[in-house]
PDB file of N, CA and C in Angstrom:
ATOM      1  N   GLN A   1      17.635   0.407  12.054  1.00  0.00           N
ATOM      2  CA  GLN A   1      17.126  -0.713  11.563  1.00  0.00           C
ATOM      3  C   GLN A   1      15.738  -0.688  10.771  1.00  0.00           C
ATOM      4  N   VAL A   2      15.620  -0.806   9.653  1.00  0.00           N
ATOM      5  CA  VAL A   2      14.316  -0.001   8.821  1.00  0.00           C
ATOM      6  C   VAL A   2      13.125  -1.192   9.360  1.00  0.00           C
ATOM      7  N   ARG A   3      11.874  -0.652   9.724  1.00  0.00           N
ATOM      8  CA  ARG A   3      10.821  -1.223  10.224  1.00  0.00           C
ATOM      9  C   ARG A   3       9.759  -0.741   9.060  1.00  0.00           C
ATOM     10  N   LEU A   4       8.821  -1.553   8.650  1.00  0.00           N
ATOM     11  CA  LEU A   4       7.971  -1.444   8.207  1.00  0.00           C
ATOM     12  C   LEU A   4       6.241  -1.996   8.588  1.00  0.00           C
ATOM     13  N   VAL A   5       5.475  -1.239   9.263  1.00  0.00           N
ATOM     14  CA  VAL A   5       3.942  -1.927   9.896  1.00  0.00           C
ATOM     15  C   VAL A   5       2.901  -1.527   9.206  1.00  0.00           C
ATOM     16  N   GLU A   6       2.412  -2.334   8.215  1.00  0.00           N
ATOM     17  CA  GLU A   6       1.334  -2.209   7.670  1.00  0.00           C
ATOM     18  C   GLU A   6       0.053  -2.590   8.464  1.00  0.00           C
ATOM     19  N   SER A   7      -1.040  -1.967   8.360  1.00  0.00           N
ATOM     20  CA  SER A   7      -2.440  -2.275   9.400  1.00  0.00           C
ATOM     21  C   SER A   7      -3.482  -1.923   8.326  1.00  0.00           C
ATOM     22  N   GLY A   8      -4.760  -2.012   8.529  1.00  0.00           N
ATOM     23  CA  GLY A   8      -5.840  -1.407   7.910  1.00  0.00           C
ATOM     24  C   GLY A   8      -6.752  -3.036   7.284  1.00  0.00           C
ATOM     25  N   GLY A   9      -6.004  -4.138   7.072  1.00  0.00           N
ATOM     26  CA  GLY A   9      -7.068  -5.071   6.120  1.00  0.00           C
ATOM     27  C   GLY A   9      -7.803  -5.510   6.860  1.00  0.00           C
ATOM     28  N   GLY A  10      -8.514  -6.428   6.053  1.00  0.00           N
ATOM     29  CA  GLY A  10      -9.858  -7.104   6.446  1.00  0.00           C
ATOM     30  C   GLY A  10     -10.524  -7.674   5.369  1.00  0.00           C
ATOM     31  N   LEU A  11     -11.745  -8.342   5.854  1.00  0.00           N
ATOM     32  CA  LEU A  11     -12.515  -9.037   4.788  1.00  0.00           C
ATOM     33  C   LEU A  11     -13.625  -7.857   4.612  1.00  0.00           C
ATOM     34  N   VAL A  12     -14.030  -7.679   3.400  1.00  0.00           N
ATOM     35  CA  VAL A  12     -14.958  -6.867   2.746  1.00  0.00           C
ATOM     36  C   VAL A  12     -15.837  -7.096   1.855  1.00  0.00           C
ATOM     37  N   GLN A  13     -16.757  -6.923   1.329  1.00  0.00           N
ATOM     38  CA  GLN A  13     -17.631  -6.847   0.291  1.00  0.00           C
ATOM     39  C   GLN A  13     -17.320  -6.318  -0.760  1.00  0.00           C
ATOM     40  N   ALA A  14     -17.479  -6.789  -2.145  1.00  0.00           N
ATOM     41  CA  ALA A  14     -17.367  -5.941  -3.255  1.00  0.00           C
ATOM     42  C   ALA A  14     -17.924  -4.512  -3.195  1.00  0.00           C
ATOM     43  N   GLY A  15     -17.236  -3.844  -3.622  1.00  0.00           N
ATOM     44  CA  GLY A  15     -17.814  -2.261  -3.757  1.00  0.00           C
ATOM     45  C   GLY A  15     -17.473  -1.524  -2.293  1.00  0.00           C
ATOM     46  N   GLY A  16     -16.980  -2.202  -1.459  1.00  0.00           N
ATOM     47  CA  GLY A  16     -16.761  -1.659  -0.135  1.00  0.00           C
ATOM     48  C   GLY A  16     -15.387  -0.850  -0.192  1.00  0.00           C
ATOM     49  N   SER A  17     -14.962  -0.376   0.864  1.00  0.00           N
ATOM     50  CA  SER A  17     -13.705   0.492   1.196  1.00  0.00           C
ATOM     51  C   SER A  17     -13.124   0.041   2.443  1.00  0.00           C
ATOM     52  N   LEU A  18     -11.766   0.000   2.309  1.00  0.00           N
ATOM     53  CA  LEU A  18     -10.676  -0.118   3.405  1.00  0.00           C
ATOM     54  C   LEU A  18      -9.577   1.086   3.397  1.00  0.00           C
ATOM     55  N   ARG A  19      -9.171   1.268   4.202  1.00  0.00           N
ATOM     56  CA  ARG A  19      -8.098   2.446   4.493  1.00  0.00           C
ATOM     57  C   ARG A  19      -6.847   1.485   5.370  1.00  0.00           C
ATOM     58  N   LEU A  20      -5.863   1.370   4.512  1.00  0.00           N
ATOM     59  CA  LEU A  20      -4.500   0.864   5.055  1.00  0.00           C
ATOM     60  C   LEU A  20      -3.610   1.806   5.283  1.00  0.00           C
ATOM     61  N   SER A  21      -2.729   1.192   6.569  1.00  0.00           N
ATOM     62  CA  SER A  21      -1.765   2.511   6.734  1.00  0.00           C
ATOM     63  C   SER A  21      -0.490   1.683   7.010  1.00  0.00           C
ATOM     64  N   CYS A  22       0.611   2.317   6.760  1.00  0.00           N
ATOM     65  CA  CYS A  22       2.068   1.900   6.906  1.00  0.00           C
ATOM     66  C   CYS A  22       2.878   2.678   8.023  1.00  0.00           C
ATOM     67  N   ALA A  23       3.236   2.324   8.762  1.00  0.00           N
ATOM     68  CA  ALA A  23       4.096   3.186   9.937  1.00  0.00           C
ATOM     69  C   ALA A  23       5.686   2.544   9.625  1.00  0.00           C
ATOM     70  N   ALA A  24       6.664   3.509   8.992  1.00  0.00           N
ATOM     71  CA  ALA A  24       8.019   3.047   8.650  1.00  0.00           C
ATOM     72  C   ALA A  24       8.679   3.758   9.679  1.00  0.00           C
ATOM     73  N   SER A  25      10.402   3.365  10.212  1.00  0.00           N
ATOM     74  CA  SER A  25      11.122   4.013  10.926  1.00  0.00           C
ATOM     75  C   SER A  25      12.597   3.353  10.333  1.00  0.00           C
ATOM     76  N   GLY A  26      13.504   3.961  10.854  1.00  0.00           N
ATOM     77  CA  GLY A  26      14.659   3.289  10.515  1.00  0.00           C
ATOM     78  C   GLY A  26      15.229   3.866   9.630  1.00  0.00           C
ATOM     79  N   PHE A  27      14.616   4.662   8.407  1.00  0.00           N
ATOM     80  CA  PHE A  27      15.287   5.722   7.694  1.00  0.00           C
ATOM     81  C   PHE A  27      14.877   7.342   7.696  1.00  0.00           C
ATOM     82  N   ILE A  28      15.420   7.651   6.881  1.00  0.00           N
ATOM     83  CA  ILE A  28      14.825   9.338   6.561  1.00  0.00           C
ATOM     84  C   ILE A  28      13.539   9.211   5.478  1.00  0.00           C
ATOM     85  N   PHE A  29      12.261   8.659   6.199  1.00  0.00           N
ATOM     86  CA  PHE A  29      11.339   8.574   5.302  1.00  0.00           C
ATOM     87  C   PHE A  29      10.792   9.932   4.445  1.00  0.00           C
ATOM     88  N   SER A  30      10.988  10.994   4.867  1.00  0.00           N
ATOM     89  CA  SER A  30      10.512  12.261   4.128  1.00  0.00           C
ATOM     90  C   SER A  30      11.424  12.098   2.712  1.00  0.00           C
ATOM     91  N   ILE A  31      12.119  11.658   2.641  1.00  0.00           N
ATOM     92  CA  ILE A  31      13.125  12.259   1.298  1.00  0.00           C
ATOM     93  C   ILE A  31      12.926  10.803   0.110  1.00  0.00           C
ATOM     94  N   LYS A  32      12.066   9.985   0.671  1.00  0.00           N
ATOM     95  CA  LYS A  32      12.027   8.249   0.078  1.00  0.00           C
ATOM     96  C   LYS A  32      10.800   8.691  -0.846  1.00  0.00           C
ATOM     97  N   PRO A  33      10.530   8.202  -2.091  1.00  0.00           N
ATOM     98  CA  PRO A  33       9.709   7.457  -2.621  1.00  0.00           C
ATOM     99  C   PRO A  33       8.939   6.553  -1.832  1.00  0.00           C
ATOM    100  N   MET A  34       7.908   6.310  -1.866  1.00  0.00           N
ATOM    101  CA  MET A  34       7.048   5.028  -1.115  1.00  0.00           C
ATOM    102  C   MET A  34       6.056   4.583  -1.902  1.00  0.00           C
ATOM    103  N   ALA A  35       5.856   3.367  -1.703  1.00  0.00           N
ATOM    104  CA  ALA A  35       4.575   2.777  -2.253  1.00  0.00           C
ATOM    105  C   ALA A  35       4.020   1.784  -1.687  1.00  0.00           C
ATOM    106  N   TRP A  36       2.744   1.215  -2.515  1.00  0.00           N
ATOM    107  CA  TRP A  36       2.366   0.158  -1.740  1.00  0.00           C
ATOM    108  C   TRP A  36       2.427  -1.178  -2.930  1.00  0.00           C
ATOM    109  N   TYR A  37       2.337  -2.471  -2.466  1.00  0.00           N
ATOM    110  CA  TYR A  37       2.596  -3.491  -3.419  1.00  0.00           C
ATOM    111  C   TYR A  37       1.647  -4.396  -2.793  1.00  0.00           C
ATOM    112  N   ARG A  38       1.069  -5.454  -3.861  1.00  0.00           N
ATOM    113  CA  ARG A  38       0.405  -6.316  -3.396  1.00  0.00           C
ATOM    114  C   ARG A  38       0.891  -7.595  -3.999  1.00  0.00           C
ATOM    115  N   HIS A  39       0.581  -8.650  -3.243  1.00  0.00           N
ATOM    116  CA  HIS A  39       0.800 -10.269  -3.710  1.00  0.00           C
ATOM    117  C   HIS A  39      -0.406 -10.956  -3.368  1.00  0.00           C
ATOM    118  N   THR A  40      -0.324 -12.172  -4.643  1.00  0.00           N
ATOM    119  CA  THR A  40      -1.283 -12.833  -4.429  1.00  0.00           C
ATOM    120  C   THR A  40      -0.510 -14.294  -4.768  1.00  0.00           C
ATOM    121  N   PRO A  41      -0.793 -15.604  -3.642  1.00  0.00           N
ATOM    122  CA  PRO A  41       0.279 -16.409  -3.875  1.00  0.00           C
ATOM    123  C   PRO A  41       0.191 -17.252  -5.439  1.00  0.00           C
ATOM    124  N   GLY A  42       1.092 -17.492  -5.966  1.00  0.00           N
ATOM    125  CA  GLY A  42       1.391 -17.713  -7.527  1.00  0.00           C
ATOM    126  C   GLY A  42       1.360 -16.825  -8.422  1.00  0.00           C
ATOM    127  N   GLU A  43       1.326 -15.729  -8.061  1.00  0.00           N
ATOM    128  CA  GLU A  43       1.447 -14.527  -8.811  1.00  0.00           C
ATOM    129  C   GLU A  43       2.684 -13.582  -8.487  1.00  0.00           C
ATOM    130  N   GLN A  44       2.984 -12.766  -9.229  1.00  0.00           N
ATOM    131  CA  GLN A  44       4.248 -11.626  -8.970  1.00  0.00           C
ATOM    132  C   GLN A  44       3.641 -10.767  -8.148  1.00  0.00           C
ATOM    133  N   ARG A  45       4.576 -10.308  -7.583  1.00  0.00           N
ATOM    134  CA  ARG A  45       4.315  -9.128  -6.686  1.00  0.00           C
ATOM    135  C   ARG A  45       4.058  -7.690  -7.657  1.00  0.00           C
ATOM    136  N   GLU A  46       2.882  -7.044  -7.333  1.00  0.00           N
ATOM    137  CA  GLU A  46       2.568  -6.050  -8.257  1.00  0.00           C
ATOM    138  C   GLU A  46       2.670  -4.520  -7.581  1.00  0.00           C
ATOM    139  N   LEU A  47       2.994  -3.651  -8.405  1.00  0.00           N
ATOM    140  CA  LEU A  47       3.398  -2.258  -7.518  1.00  0.00           C
ATOM    141  C   LEU A  47       1.751  -1.675  -7.815  1.00  0.00           C
ATOM    142  N   VAL A  48       1.218  -1.376  -6.841  1.00  0.00           N
ATOM    143  CA  VAL A  48      -0.127  -0.823  -6.861  1.00  0.00           C
ATOM    144  C   VAL A  48       0.002   0.746  -7.270  1.00  0.00           C
ATOM    145  N   ALA A  49       0.625   1.543  -6.285  1.00  0.00           N
ATOM    146  CA  ALA A  49       0.718   3.031  -6.034  1.00  0.00           C
ATOM    147  C   ALA A  49       2.084   3.358  -5.779  1.00  0.00           C
ATOM    148  N   SER A  50       2.157   4.681  -6.067  1.00  0.00           N
ATOM    149  CA  SER A  50       3.415   5.101  -5.341  1.00  0.00           C
ATOM    150  C   SER A  50       3.258   6.460  -5.304  1.00  0.00           C
ATOM    151  N   ILE A  51       4.270   7.082  -4.404  1.00  0.00           N
ATOM    152  CA  ILE A  51       4.134   8.492  -4.172  1.00  0.00           C
ATOM    153  C   ILE A  51       5.645   9.098  -3.805  1.00  0.00           C
ATOM    154  N   THR A  52       5.933  10.330  -4.502  1.00  0.00           N
ATOM    155  CA  THR A  52       7.076  10.766  -4.227  1.00  0.00           C
ATOM    156  C   THR A  52       7.089  11.445  -3.051  1.00  0.00           C
ATOM    157  N   ARG A  53       8.542  12.054  -2.604  1.00  0.00           N
ATOM    158  CA  ARG A  53       8.447  12.597  -1.324  1.00  0.00           C
ATOM    159  C   ARG A  53       7.741  14.148  -1.599  1.00  0.00           C
ATOM    160  N   GLY A  54       7.434  14.400  -2.638  1.00  0.00           N
ATOM    161  CA  GLY A  54       6.825  15.587  -2.691  1.00  0.00           C
ATOM    162  C   GLY A  54       5.211  15.678  -2.881  1.00  0.00           C
ATOM    163  N   GLY A  55       5.027  14.353  -3.240  1.00  0.00           N
ATOM    164  CA  GLY A  55       3.698  14.274  -3.127  1.00  0.00           C
ATOM    165  C   GLY A  55       2.893  13.870  -4.542  1.00  0.00           C
ATOM    166  N   THR A  56       3.971  13.415  -5.438  1.00  0.00           N
ATOM    167  CA  THR A  56       3.521  13.084  -6.919  1.00  0.00           C
ATOM    168  C   THR A  56       3.066  11.338  -7.076  1.00  0.00           C
ATOM    169  N   THR A  57       1.841  11.337  -7.434  1.00  0.00           N
ATOM    170  CA  THR A  57       1.605   9.794  -7.400  1.00  0.00           C
ATOM    171  C   THR A  57       1.066   9.176  -8.396  1.00  0.00           C
ATOM    172  N   ASN A  58       1.071   7.903  -8.732  1.00  0.00           N
ATOM    173  CA  ASN A  58       1.198   7.041  -9.561  1.00  0.00           C
ATOM    174  C   ASN A  58       0.612   5.822  -9.267  1.00  0.00           C
ATOM    175  N   TYR A  59      -0.277   5.272 -10.334  1.00  0.00           N
ATOM    176  CA  TYR A  59      -1.285   4.011  -9.885  1.00  0.00           C
ATOM    177  C   TYR A  59      -0.964   2.908 -10.945  1.00  0.00           C
ATOM    178  N   ALA A  60      -1.253   1.849 -10.658  1.00  0.00           N
ATOM    179  CA  ALA A  60      -1.291   0.713 -11.656  1.00  0.00           C
ATOM    180  C   ALA A  60      -2.772   1.128 -12.445  1.00  0.00           C
ATOM    181  N   ASP A  61      -2.752   0.799 -13.486  1.00  0.00           N
ATOM    182  CA  ASP A  61      -4.211   0.874 -14.214  1.00  0.00           C
ATOM    183  C   ASP A  61      -5.325   0.292 -13.528  1.00  0.00           C
ATOM    184  N   SER A  62      -5.038  -0.881 -12.714  1.00  0.00           N
ATOM    185  CA  SER A  62      -6.084  -1.685 -12.586  1.00  0.00           C
ATOM    186  C   SER A  62      -6.679  -0.940 -11.552  1.00  0.00           C
ATOM    187  N   VAL A  63      -5.999  -0.183 -10.670  1.00  0.00           N
ATOM    188  CA  VAL A  63      -6.630   0.706  -9.744  1.00  0.00           C
ATOM    189  C   VAL A  63      -6.919   1.918  -9.795  1.00  0.00           C
ATOM    190  N   LYS A  64      -6.425   2.583 -10.749  1.00  0.00           N
ATOM    191  CA  LYS A  64      -6.358   3.957 -11.006  1.00  0.00           C
ATOM    192  C   LYS A  64      -7.684   4.544 -11.127  1.00  0.00           C
ATOM    193  N   GLY A  65      -8.351   5.443 -10.173  1.00  0.00           N
ATOM    194  CA  GLY A  65      -9.725   6.088  -9.902  1.00  0.00           C
ATOM    195  C   GLY A  65     -10.505   5.234  -8.729  1.00  0.00           C
ATOM    196  N   ARG A  66      -9.743   4.300  -8.304  1.00  0.00           N
ATOM    197  CA  ARG A  66     -10.216   3.537  -7.080  1.00  0.00           C
ATOM    198  C   ARG A  66      -9.397   3.957  -5.503  1.00  0.00           C
ATOM    199  N   PHE A  67      -8.005   3.866  -5.999  1.00  0.00           N
ATOM    200  CA  PHE A  67      -6.839   3.829  -4.979  1.00  0.00           C
ATOM    201  C   PHE A  67      -6.681   5.320  -4.891  1.00  0.00           C
ATOM    202  N   THR A  68      -6.577   5.833  -3.764  1.00  0.00           N
ATOM    203  CA  THR A  68      -5.563   7.203  -3.276  1.00  0.00           C
ATOM    204  C   THR A  68      -4.424   6.526  -2.559  1.00  0.00           C
ATOM    205  N   ILE A  69      -3.219   6.852  -2.708  1.00  0.00           N
ATOM    206  CA  ILE A  69      -1.961   6.848  -1.761  1.00  0.00           C
ATOM    207  C   ILE A  69      -1.792   8.306  -1.368  1.00  0.00           C
ATOM    208  N   SER A  70      -1.603   8.288  -0.091  1.00  0.00           N
ATOM    209  CA  SER A  70      -0.968   9.703   0.775  1.00  0.00           C
ATOM    210  C   SER A  70       0.045   9.210   1.625  1.00  0.00           C
ATOM    211  N   ARG A  71       0.917  10.301   2.174  1.00  0.00           N
ATOM    212  CA  ARG A  71       1.592  10.260   2.964  1.00  0.00           C
ATOM    213  C   ARG A  71       1.906  11.445   4.016  1.00  0.00           C
ATOM    214  N   ASP A  72       2.209  11.306   5.293  1.00  0.00           N
ATOM    215  CA  ASP A  72       2.410  12.204   6.220  1.00  0.00           C
ATOM    216  C   ASP A  72       3.841  12.178   6.659  1.00  0.00           C
ATOM    217  N   ASN A  73       4.527  12.941   5.942  1.00  0.00           N
ATOM    218  CA  ASN A  73       6.087  13.115   6.342  1.00  0.00           C
ATOM    219  C   ASN A  73       6.650  13.312   7.893  1.00  0.00           C
ATOM    220  N   ALA A  74       5.407  13.988   8.716  1.00  0.00           N
ATOM    221  CA  ALA A  74       5.602  14.205  10.192  1.00  0.00           C
ATOM    222  C   ALA A  74       5.325  12.854  10.928  1.00  0.00           C
ATOM    223  N   LYS A  75       4.594  12.121  10.539  1.00  0.00           N
ATOM    224  CA  LYS A  75       4.255  10.894  11.082  1.00  0.00           C
ATOM    225  C   LYS A  75       5.062   9.734  10.470  1.00  0.00           C
ATOM    226  N   ASN A  76       5.721  10.022   9.255  1.00  0.00           N
ATOM    227  CA  ASN A  76       6.287   8.870   8.886  1.00  0.00           C
ATOM    228  C   ASN A  76       5.374   7.709   8.375  1.00  0.00           C
ATOM    229  N   THR A  77       4.370   7.699   8.037  1.00  0.00           N
ATOM    230  CA  THR A  77       3.454   7.097   7.462  1.00  0.00           C
ATOM    231  C   THR A  77       2.940   7.317   6.049  1.00  0.00           C
ATOM    232  N   VAL A  78       2.430   6.130   5.437  1.00  0.00           N
ATOM    233  CA  VAL A  78       1.854   6.299   3.968  1.00  0.00           C
ATOM    234  C   VAL A  78       0.475   5.324   4.091  1.00  0.00           C
ATOM    235  N   ASP A  79      -0.624   5.837   3.463  1.00  0.00           N
ATOM    236  CA  ASP A  79      -1.685   5.404   3.636  1.00  0.00           C
ATOM    237  C   ASP A  79      -2.385   4.958   2.130  1.00  0.00           C
ATOM    238  N   LEU A  80      -3.026   3.872   2.100  1.00  0.00           N
ATOM    239  CA  LEU A  80      -3.835   3.859   0.760  1.00  0.00           C
ATOM    240  C   LEU A  80      -5.344   3.743   1.311  1.00  0.00           C
ATOM    241  N   GLN A  81      -6.068   4.588   0.572  1.00  0.00           N
ATOM    242  CA  GLN A  81      -7.757   4.672   0.585  1.00  0.00           C
ATOM    243  C   GLN A  81      -7.957   3.945  -0.886  1.00  0.00           C
ATOM    244  N   MET A  82      -8.554   2.704  -0.414  1.00  0.00           N
ATOM    245  CA  MET A  82      -9.484   1.658  -1.247  1.00  0.00           C
ATOM    246  C   MET A  82     -10.673   1.768  -1.446  1.00  0.00           C
ATOM    247  N   ASN A  83     -11.217   2.070  -2.655  1.00  0.00           N
ATOM    248  CA  ASN A  83     -12.519   2.409  -2.791  1.00  0.00           C
ATOM    249  C   ASN A  83     -13.354   1.099  -3.890  1.00  0.00           C
ATOM    250  N   SER A  84     -14.189   1.127  -3.754  1.00  0.00           N
ATOM    251  CA  SER A  84     -14.946   0.430  -4.939  1.00  0.00           C
ATOM    252  C   SER A  84     -13.986  -0.986  -5.206  1.00  0.00           C
ATOM    253  N   LEU A  85     -13.766  -1.548  -4.272  1.00  0.00           N
ATOM    254  CA  LEU A  85     -13.060  -2.949  -3.868  1.00  0.00           C
ATOM    255  C   LEU A  85     -13.796  -3.894  -4.820  1.00  0.00           C
ATOM    256  N   LYS A  86     -12.881  -4.654  -5.632  1.00  0.00           N
ATOM    257  CA  LYS A  86     -13.310  -5.714  -6.009  1.00  0.00           C
ATOM    258  C   LYS A  86     -12.588  -7.521  -5.822  1.00  0.00           C
ATOM    259  N   PRO A  87     -13.148  -8.296  -6.082  1.00  0.00           N
ATOM    260  CA  PRO A  87     -12.503  -9.492  -5.517  1.00  0.00           C
ATOM    261  C   PRO A  87     -11.077  -9.581  -5.994  1.00  0.00           C
ATOM    262  N   GLU A  88     -10.831  -9.248  -7.470  1.00  0.00           N
ATOM    263  CA  GLU A  88      -9.280  -9.177  -7.786  1.00  0.00           C
ATOM    264  C   GLU A  88      -8.573  -8.363  -6.972  1.00  0.00           C
ATOM    265  N   ASP A  89      -8.909  -7.578  -6.043  1.00  0.00           N
ATOM    266  CA  ASP A  89      -8.141  -6.651  -5.383  1.00  0.00           C
ATOM    267  C   ASP A  89      -7.611  -7.855  -4.261  1.00  0.00           C
ATOM    268  N   THR A  90      -8.278  -8.586  -4.018  1.00  0.00           N
ATOM    269  CA  THR A  90      -7.828  -9.717  -2.689  1.00  0.00           C
ATOM    270  C   THR A  90      -6.246 -10.248  -3.002  1.00  0.00           C
ATOM    271  N   ALA A  91      -5.534  -9.929  -1.962  1.00  0.00           N
ATOM    272  CA  ALA A  91      -4.116  -9.530  -1.659  1.00  0.00           C
ATOM    273  C   ALA A  91      -3.715  -9.366  -0.713  1.00  0.00           C
ATOM    274  N   VAL A  92      -2.142  -9.644  -0.234  1.00  0.00           N
ATOM    275  CA  VAL A  92      -1.513  -9.208   0.868  1.00  0.00           C
ATOM    276  C   VAL A  92      -0.722  -7.941   0.363  1.00  0.00           C
ATOM    277  N   TYR A  93      -1.064  -6.829   1.271  1.00  0.00           N
ATOM    278  CA  TYR A  93      -0.556  -5.664   0.568  1.00  0.00           C
ATOM    279  C   TYR A  93       0.645  -5.119   1.517  1.00  0.00           C
ATOM    280  N   TYR A  94       1.661  -4.683   0.893  1.00  0.00           N
ATOM    281  CA  TYR A  94       3.148  -4.220   1.749  1.00  0.00           C
ATOM    282  C   TYR A  94       3.419  -3.018   0.978  1.00  0.00           C
ATOM    283  N   CYS A  95       3.792  -2.379   2.358  1.00  0.00           N
ATOM    284  CA  CYS A  95       4.377  -0.676   1.997  1.00  0.00           C
ATOM    285  C   CYS A  95       5.899  -1.075   1.788  1.00  0.00           C
ATOM    286  N   ASN A  96       6.601  -0.429   0.893  1.00  0.00           N
ATOM    287  CA  ASN A  96       7.878  -0.214   0.888  1.00  0.00           C
ATOM    288  C   ASN A  96       8.408   1.057   0.175  1.00  0.00           C
ATOM    289  N   ARG A  97       9.819   1.132  -0.167  1.00  0.00           N
ATOM    290  CA  ARG A  97      10.100   2.070  -0.676  1.00  0.00           C
ATOM    291  C   ARG A  97      10.058   1.668  -2.097  1.00  0.00           C
ATOM    292  N   LEU A  98      10.200   2.869  -3.181  1.00  0.00           N
ATOM    293  CA  LEU A  98      10.425   2.928  -4.650  1.00  0.00           C
ATOM    294  C   LEU A  98      11.595   3.278  -5.045  1.00  0.00           C
ATOM    295  N   PRO A  99      12.608   2.236  -5.785  1.00  0.00           N
ATOM    296  CA  PRO A  99      12.482   1.100  -5.697  1.00  0.00           C
ATOM    297  C   PRO A  99      12.092   0.489  -4.577  1.00  0.00           C
ATOM    298  N   PHE A 100      11.872  -1.054  -4.202  1.00  0.00           N
ATOM    299  CA  PHE A 100      11.564  -1.456  -3.009  1.00  0.00           C
ATOM    300  C   PHE A 100      13.050  -1.890  -2.562  1.00  0.00           C
ATOM    301  N   SER A 101      12.880  -1.967  -1.290  1.00  0.00           N
ATOM    302  CA  SER A 101      14.388  -2.412  -0.345  1.00  0.00           C
ATOM    303  C   SER A 101      14.221  -3.794   0.077  1.00  0.00           C
ATOM    304  N   ASN A 102      14.940  -4.457   0.432  1.00  0.00           N
ATOM    305  CA  ASN A 102      14.806  -5.658   0.974  1.00  0.00           C
ATOM    306  C   ASN A 102      14.101  -6.082   2.316  1.00  0.00           C
ATOM    307  N   TYR A 103      13.782  -4.600   3.120  1.00  0.00           N
ATOM    308  CA  TYR A 103      13.209  -4.611   4.271  1.00  0.00           C
ATOM    309  C   TYR A 103      11.609  -4.929   3.688  1.00  0.00           C
ATOM    310  N   TRP A 104      11.204  -5.441   4.145  1.00  0.00           N
ATOM    311  CA  TRP A 104       9.353  -5.912   4.071  1.00  0.00           C
ATOM    312  C   TRP A 104       8.750  -5.967   5.514  1.00  0.00           C
ATOM    313  N   GLY A 105       7.617  -5.777   5.678  1.00  0.00           N
ATOM    314  CA  GLY A 105       6.869  -5.955   6.821  1.00  0.00           C
ATOM    315  C   GLY A 105       6.120  -6.905   6.540  1.00  0.00           C
ATOM    316  N   GLN A 106       5.121  -7.002   7.572  1.00  0.00           N
ATOM    317  CA  GLN A 106       4.287  -8.364   7.676  1.00  0.00           C
ATOM    318  C   GLN A 106       3.173  -8.261   6.758  1.00  0.00           C
ATOM    319  N   GLY A 107       3.135  -7.211   6.278  1.00  0.00           N
ATOM    320  CA  GLY A 107       1.833  -7.091   4.946  1.00  0.00           C
ATOM    321  C   GLY A 107       0.622  -6.966   6.000  1.00  0.00           C
ATOM    322  N   THR A 108      -0.819  -6.715   5.402  1.00  0.00           N
ATOM    323  CA  THR A 108      -1.788  -6.649   5.805  1.00  0.00           C
ATOM    324  C   THR A 108      -2.808  -7.454   4.816  1.00  0.00           C
ATOM    325  N   GLN A 109      -3.471  -8.229   5.290  1.00  0.00           N
ATOM    326  CA  GLN A 109      -4.411  -9.226   4.176  1.00  0.00           C
ATOM    327  C   GLN A 109      -5.807  -8.428   3.641  1.00  0.00           C
ATOM    328  N   VAL A 110      -6.169  -8.415   2.589  1.00  0.00           N
ATOM    329  CA  VAL A 110      -7.349  -7.561   2.240  1.00  0.00           C
ATOM    330  C   VAL A 110      -8.038  -9.018   1.224  1.00  0.00           C
ATOM    331  N   ILE A 111      -9.193  -9.124   1.953  1.00  0.00           N
ATOM    332  CA  ILE A 111     -10.175 -10.134   1.035  1.00  0.00           C
ATOM    333  C   ILE A 111     -11.233  -9.044   0.737  1.00  0.00           C
ATOM    334  N   VAL A 112     -11.710  -9.749  -0.381  1.00  0.00           N
ATOM    335  CA  VAL A 112     -12.539  -8.843  -0.877  1.00  0.00           C
ATOM    336  C   VAL A 112     -13.976  -9.782  -1.543  1.00  0.00           C
ATOM    337  N   SER A 113     -15.057 -10.021  -0.933  1.00  0.00           N
ATOM    338  CA  SER A 113     -16.043 -10.932  -1.086  1.00  0.00           C
ATOM    339  C   SER A 113     -17.040 -10.445  -2.325  1.00  0.00           C
ATOM    340  N   SER A 114     -17.052 -11.670  -2.996  1.00  0.00           N
ATOM    341  CA  SER A 114     -18.258 -11.027  -4.466  1.00  0.00           C
ATOM    342  C   SER A 114     -19.313 -11.345  -3.943  1.00  0.00           C
TER     343      SER A 114
END
């Protein structure tokens, strides 16, 4: 059974940093591309960052240079380091495979105050 558990969200002032973490289980994590997505009510889900099994990363233009995605295949975790946060980064953040599967975790809420 696929399980994705996100953590690390919170309330932070603009310019601050947060580190999100996702623990994955129920599939062969090490061979799957992984990604972080975010969702704001009333808007479409956005792909924020992705990482291949070999560590190649890609970022949405809106977060490039500020966010860093990483993975630990030994621990089955994928992290998202978020620096220089902006109010428009406020969203619920989810991890999932790339392309995403039907299995979603509960997400972790990030609120950036101005």
